[in-house]
Amino acid sequence: MSQGHAISPSSQNKKRLKLVLGFTLLYLLAEVVGGIWTKSLALLADAGHMLTDVGGLAFALIAINLAEKKATPEKTYGYYRAEILAALANAVVLIGISLYILYEAYLRFLNPPEVESKFMLVIAGVGLVVNLVGMYILRKGSKDSLNMKGAYFEVLSDMLTSIGVIAAGIIMWTTGWYYADPILSAGIGLFILPRTWILLKEAVDILLEGTPADVNLAVVRETLQKIPGVTQVHDLHVWTLTSGINAMSAHVVIEEQTTPNQVLKAINDQVKEPFKIKHTTIQVENEGYEEQEVHL
């Protein structure tokens, strides 16, 4: 039974994404010029993350637009998974950027170049403000959508990088110790990696149609079995189409005198809100029929 084309939580955040994308793109251009001029790896590392922000936020917007498209005979579930692919792409790119920063930091630690720390501080300070504003705009949506969470992590990683750049700039400006640049850059890369790995794992779990982390399958089964007229539930599956939109399929054995439509309505009423299940496919059976089936 289908509940129609549900609107994903990400769709409610398109304006926020566009606003943050505009800020990020403008600052990226300034930061690339500043990083080359000052010869600061920390600043270029921040620019690298800003570049992934621009790509990641743009990809997130494209994914939202795709997810809003209606289902077709070729794509019977629609394009919800585009948002998960965007989150996966963001995670992979962030991991790659973090590993590159660690490698570049190692090379610069062997031979640290002189850095124009004063100008570096100015650029990093502006970047910190831009990132804090972006985080504030995206924070609410990141709690409801993996796609938005990926975009939020992009901006969060840049905010941390900006703090590292400022710290490195102050140290180099006051002490002339240029090892601060690669050391703090490496620290930022190491800080970002585990959080990005969690995002990557969540995206992969959804693509593999694993049971959503916030859904207890045993509780779902117990809820269904308490419905009047239901004697047994088997072949129960719950998976995520996109963040906030779960689907469920199940075989439900009912008593002879029970009306199937009443059971179907009760099932959808019971699972819609508590488990965020907005699409159900239920096979209603009489007792004994399940013995003929191969159970998954």
Protein backbone atom coordinates (compact mmCIF):
# COMPACT_ATOMS: atom_id res chain seq x y z
CA MET A 1 0.00 0.00 0.00
CA SER A 2 1.46 3.31 -1.00
CA GLN A 3 0.99 6.55 0.87
CA GLY A 4 1.74 8.72 -2.17
CA HIS A 5 4.89 10.64 -2.95
CA ALA A 6 6.25 11.78 0.39
CA ILE A 7 8.34 14.94 0.62
CA SER A 8 11.78 14.28 2.04
CA PRO A 9 13.07 16.38 4.96
CA SER A 10 15.83 17.73 2.70
CA SER A 11 13.27 19.44 0.46
CA GLN A 12 12.36 21.79 3.29
CA ASN A 13 15.95 23.05 3.41
CA LYS A 14 16.62 24.04 -0.20
CA LYS A 15 16.64 27.78 0.54
CA ARG A 16 19.12 27.27 3.38
CA LEU A 17 21.40 25.23 1.13
CA LYS A 18 21.32 27.85 -1.63
CA LEU A 19 22.20 30.61 0.84
CA VAL A 20 25.14 28.70 2.31
CA LEU A 21 26.33 27.70 -1.16
CA GLY A 22 26.46 31.37 -2.20
CA PHE A 23 28.50 32.38 0.86
CA THR A 24 30.85 29.44 0.44
CA LEU A 25 31.51 30.02 -3.24
CA LEU A 26 32.44 33.67 -2.72
CA TYR A 27 34.78 32.89 0.14
CA LEU A 28 36.39 30.00 -1.75
CA LEU A 29 37.59 32.35 -4.47
CA ALA A 30 39.13 34.70 -1.90
CA GLU A 31 40.76 31.86 0.02
CA VAL A 32 42.42 30.24 -3.00
CA VAL A 33 44.07 33.56 -3.91
CA GLY A 34 45.09 34.14 -0.30
CA GLY A 35 46.49 30.63 0.16
CA ILE A 36 48.69 30.90 -2.92
CA TRP A 37 49.87 34.37 -1.94
CA THR A 38 50.70 33.52 1.68
CA LYS A 39 52.07 30.01 0.90
CA SER A 40 50.01 28.64 3.79
CA LEU A 41 49.12 24.93 3.69
CA ALA A 42 46.56 25.46 6.44
CA LEU A 43 44.86 28.12 4.34
CA LEU A 44 45.01 25.96 1.21
CA ALA A 45 43.67 23.04 3.25
CA ASP A 46 40.76 25.22 4.24
CA ALA A 47 40.30 26.17 0.58
CA GLY A 48 40.32 22.46 -0.29
CA HIS A 49 37.51 21.84 2.16
CA MET A 50 35.69 24.88 0.82
CA LEU A 51 35.94 23.37 -2.67
CA THR A 52 34.34 20.15 -1.42
CA ASP A 53 31.71 22.32 0.28
CA VAL A 54 30.79 23.96 -3.00
CA GLY A 55 30.63 20.62 -4.80
CA GLY A 56 28.90 18.89 -1.90
CA LEU A 57 26.28 21.59 -1.41
CA ALA A 58 25.61 21.75 -5.14
CA PHE A 59 25.30 17.96 -5.27
CA ALA A 60 22.94 18.06 -2.29
CA LEU A 61 20.72 20.59 -4.07
CA ILE A 62 20.68 18.52 -7.25
CA ALA A 63 19.83 15.43 -5.21
CA ILE A 64 16.92 17.21 -3.51
CA ASN A 65 15.52 18.28 -6.87
CA LEU A 66 15.82 14.71 -8.14
CA ALA A 67 14.16 13.31 -5.01
CA GLU A 68 11.17 15.58 -5.59
CA LYS A 69 10.49 14.01 -8.98
CA LYS A 70 7.53 11.65 -9.21
CA ALA A 71 7.99 7.91 -9.48
CA THR A 72 8.00 6.45 -12.98
CA PRO A 73 7.51 2.91 -14.37
CA GLU A 74 11.32 2.69 -14.59
CA LYS A 75 11.95 4.22 -11.14
CA THR A 76 9.04 2.89 -9.09
CA TYR A 77 10.36 4.37 -5.83
CA GLY A 78 11.20 7.67 -7.48
CA TYR A 79 14.60 9.30 -6.97
CA TYR A 80 14.81 9.38 -3.18
CA ARG A 81 18.15 7.57 -3.17
CA ALA A 82 19.79 10.48 -4.99
CA GLU A 83 20.06 12.21 -1.60
CA ILE A 84 21.85 9.22 -0.11
CA LEU A 85 24.23 9.08 -3.07
CA ALA A 86 24.99 12.77 -2.46
CA ALA A 87 25.80 12.05 1.19
CA LEU A 88 27.99 9.13 0.12
CA ALA A 89 29.83 11.29 -2.41
CA ASN A 90 30.39 14.01 0.21
CA ALA A 91 31.85 11.48 2.63
CA VAL A 92 34.19 9.95 0.05
CA VAL A 93 35.45 13.36 -1.09
CA LEU A 94 35.99 14.53 2.50
CA ILE A 95 38.01 11.40 3.30
CA GLY A 96 40.12 11.93 0.18
CA ILE A 97 40.75 15.59 1.00
CA SER A 98 41.66 14.74 4.61
CA LEU A 99 44.17 12.09 3.50
CA TYR A 100 45.72 14.51 1.02
CA ILE A 101 46.09 17.15 3.72
CA LEU A 102 47.86 14.61 5.94
CA TYR A 103 50.23 13.76 3.09
CA GLU A 104 50.93 17.40 2.26
CA ALA A 105 51.43 18.18 5.95
CA TYR A 106 54.07 15.44 6.13
CA LEU A 107 55.96 16.94 3.18
CA ARG A 108 55.81 20.43 4.64
CA PHE A 109 56.89 19.19 8.04
CA LEU A 110 60.12 18.01 6.42
CA ASN A 111 60.68 21.44 4.90
CA PRO A 112 58.30 24.12 6.24
CA PRO A 113 58.09 27.21 3.98
CA GLU A 114 57.83 30.76 5.26
CA VAL A 115 54.20 31.86 5.56
CA GLU A 116 52.61 35.34 5.35
CA SER A 117 50.85 34.86 8.68
CA LYS A 118 49.21 38.29 9.04
CA PHE A 119 47.24 38.11 5.79
CA MET A 120 46.54 34.46 6.50
CA LEU A 121 44.87 35.47 9.79
CA VAL A 122 42.60 37.99 8.06
CA ILE A 123 41.38 35.47 5.51
CA ALA A 124 40.92 32.74 8.12
CA GLY A 125 38.95 35.11 10.36
CA VAL A 126 36.50 35.91 7.57
CA GLY A 127 36.26 32.19 6.79
CA LEU A 128 35.41 31.37 10.39
CA VAL A 129 32.52 33.83 10.32
CA VAL A 130 31.23 32.41 7.02
CA ASN A 131 31.42 28.85 8.33
CA LEU A 132 29.70 29.68 11.63
CA VAL A 133 26.85 31.34 9.75
CA GLY A 134 26.60 28.32 7.43
CA MET A 135 26.52 25.90 10.36
CA TYR A 136 23.75 27.90 12.04
CA ILE A 137 21.68 27.84 8.85
CA LEU A 138 22.12 24.09 8.23
CA ARG A 139 22.11 22.77 11.79
CA LYS A 140 18.38 22.17 12.13
CA GLY A 141 18.05 20.30 8.84
CA SER A 142 21.06 18.08 9.62
CA LYS A 143 19.07 16.32 12.33
CA ASP A 144 16.42 15.08 9.91
CA SER A 145 18.27 14.22 6.71
CA LEU A 146 21.46 12.32 5.91
CA ASN A 147 21.89 14.51 2.83
CA MET A 148 21.68 17.65 4.98
CA LYS A 149 23.94 16.00 7.56
CA GLY A 150 26.57 15.53 4.87
CA ALA A 151 26.31 19.19 3.89
CA TYR A 152 26.49 20.22 7.55
CA PHE A 153 29.61 18.10 8.08
CA GLU A 154 31.21 19.80 5.10
CA VAL A 155 30.71 23.22 6.70
CA LEU A 156 31.66 21.92 10.17
CA SER A 157 34.96 20.58 8.83
CA ASP A 158 35.71 23.97 7.29
CA MET A 159 34.87 25.75 10.54
CA LEU A 160 37.39 23.54 12.37
CA THR A 161 39.94 24.15 9.65
CA SER A 162 39.44 27.91 9.98
CA ILE A 163 40.11 27.68 13.73
CA GLY A 164 43.27 25.69 12.99
CA VAL A 165 44.40 28.24 10.43
CA ILE A 166 43.88 31.08 12.92
CA ALA A 167 45.79 29.21 15.63
CA ALA A 168 48.63 28.44 13.23
CA GLY A 169 48.70 32.05 12.03
CA ILE A 170 48.95 33.42 15.58
CA ILE A 171 51.77 31.01 16.46
CA MET A 172 53.76 31.80 13.30
CA TRP A 173 53.15 35.53 13.62
CA THR A 174 54.30 35.71 17.24
CA THR A 175 57.06 33.07 17.26
CA GLY A 176 58.09 32.47 13.65
CA TRP A 177 57.67 28.72 14.23
CA TYR A 178 56.43 27.60 10.80
CA TYR A 179 55.99 23.97 11.83
CA ALA A 180 52.66 25.09 13.32
CA ASP A 181 51.13 25.22 9.83
CA PRO A 182 51.55 21.52 8.86
CA ILE A 183 51.05 20.23 12.41
CA LEU A 184 47.68 21.92 12.91
CA SER A 185 46.61 20.99 9.38
CA ALA A 186 47.34 17.32 10.15
CA GLY A 187 45.38 17.60 13.39
CA ILE A 188 42.35 18.92 11.53
CA GLY A 189 42.56 16.07 9.02
CA LEU A 190 42.69 13.49 11.81
CA PHE A 191 39.74 15.14 13.58
CA ILE A 192 37.53 15.09 10.50
CA LEU A 193 38.21 11.49 9.40
CA PRO A 194 36.23 9.54 12.07
CA ARG A 195 33.15 11.76 11.74
CA THR A 196 33.20 11.42 7.97
CA TRP A 197 33.57 7.66 8.33
CA ILE A 198 30.33 7.57 10.36
CA LEU A 199 28.54 9.49 7.60
CA LEU A 200 29.94 7.09 5.00
CA LYS A 201 28.80 4.07 7.02
CA GLU A 202 25.26 5.46 7.42
CA ALA A 203 24.97 6.09 3.67
CA VAL A 204 26.24 2.60 2.83
CA ASP A 205 23.82 1.01 5.33
CA ILE A 206 20.90 2.72 3.58
CA LEU A 207 22.09 1.68 0.13
CA LEU A 208 22.37 -1.91 1.39
CA GLU A 209 18.77 -1.59 2.67
CA GLY A 210 19.70 -2.27 6.25
CA THR A 211 17.19 -1.75 9.04
CA PRO A 212 17.20 1.96 10.01
CA ALA A 213 19.23 2.68 13.12
CA ASP A 214 16.26 4.33 14.83
CA VAL A 215 13.87 1.44 14.12
CA ASN A 216 13.76 -1.59 16.42
CA LEU A 217 12.48 -4.43 14.24
CA ALA A 218 11.41 -6.46 17.27
CA VAL A 219 9.25 -3.57 18.46
CA VAL A 220 7.69 -3.21 14.99
CA ARG A 221 6.86 -6.92 14.97
CA GLU A 222 5.39 -6.71 18.46
CA THR A 223 3.31 -3.68 17.45
CA LEU A 224 1.87 -5.50 14.44
CA GLN A 225 1.11 -8.66 16.38
CA LYS A 226 -0.92 -6.69 18.93
CA ILE A 227 -3.37 -5.55 16.23
CA PRO A 228 -6.74 -7.28 16.70
CA GLY A 229 -7.17 -10.17 14.27
CA VAL A 230 -3.44 -10.60 13.57
CA THR A 231 -2.07 -13.99 14.66
CA GLN A 232 1.41 -13.91 13.15
CA VAL A 233 3.87 -11.65 11.32
CA HIS A 234 6.70 -12.98 9.18
CA ASP A 235 9.01 -11.85 6.36
CA LEU A 236 9.12 -8.44 8.01
CA HIS A 237 11.49 -5.92 6.41
CA VAL A 238 12.03 -2.23 7.13
CA TRP A 239 14.46 -0.12 5.11
CA THR A 240 15.14 3.52 4.31
CA LEU A 241 14.34 5.15 0.98
CA THR A 242 15.90 8.43 2.09
CA SER A 243 16.35 10.13 5.45
CA GLY A 244 13.03 10.36 7.28
CA ILE A 245 11.18 8.12 4.80
CA ASN A 246 11.15 4.43 5.66
CA ALA A 247 9.43 1.57 3.83
CA MET A 248 8.12 -1.72 5.19
CA SER A 249 7.00 -5.03 3.74
CA ALA A 250 5.49 -7.89 5.72
CA HIS A 251 3.35 -11.01 5.51
CA VAL A 252 0.56 -10.84 8.06
CA VAL A 253 -1.48 -13.88 9.06
CA ILE A 254 -5.03 -13.01 10.17
CA GLU A 255 -7.94 -14.87 11.71
CA GLU A 256 -10.62 -16.21 9.36
CA GLN A 257 -13.31 -13.75 10.47
CA THR A 258 -11.03 -10.70 10.29
CA THR A 259 -11.58 -8.11 7.54
CA PRO A 260 -8.29 -7.54 5.63
CA ASN A 261 -8.94 -3.85 4.98
CA GLN A 262 -9.36 -3.16 8.69
CA VAL A 263 -6.03 -4.86 9.40
CA LEU A 264 -4.27 -2.92 6.63
CA LYS A 265 -5.58 0.40 7.95
CA ALA A 266 -4.55 -0.49 11.50
CA ILE A 267 -1.04 -1.47 10.36
CA ASN A 268 -0.48 1.81 8.52
CA ASP A 269 -1.86 3.83 11.43
CA GLN A 270 0.45 2.02 13.88
CA VAL A 271 3.71 2.34 11.94
CA LYS A 272 3.44 5.74 10.23
CA GLU A 273 4.48 8.11 13.01
CA PRO A 274 6.53 6.04 15.51
CA PHE A 275 8.73 4.42 12.86
CA LYS A 276 8.56 7.05 10.05
CA ILE A 277 7.21 4.35 7.70
CA LYS A 278 5.50 6.11 4.81
CA HIS A 279 5.31 3.24 2.33
CA THR A 280 4.01 -0.23 3.18
CA THR A 281 3.53 -3.41 1.20
CA ILE A 282 1.51 -5.96 3.18
CA GLN A 283 0.56 -9.48 2.13
CA VAL A 284 -2.45 -10.69 4.13
CA GLU A 285 -2.69 -14.45 4.62
CA ASN A 286 -4.93 -16.96 6.32
CA GLU A 287 -3.47 -19.44 8.79
CA GLY A 288 -1.59 -22.28 7.09
CA TYR A 289 -0.73 -20.38 3.92
CA GLU A 290 2.70 -19.34 5.19
CA GLU A 291 3.77 -22.99 5.32
CA GLN A 292 3.94 -22.99 1.53
CA GLU A 293 6.36 -20.07 1.38
CA VAL A 294 10.11 -19.69 1.43
CA HIS A 295 10.89 -17.18 4.18
CA LEU A 296 13.66 -14.60 3.95
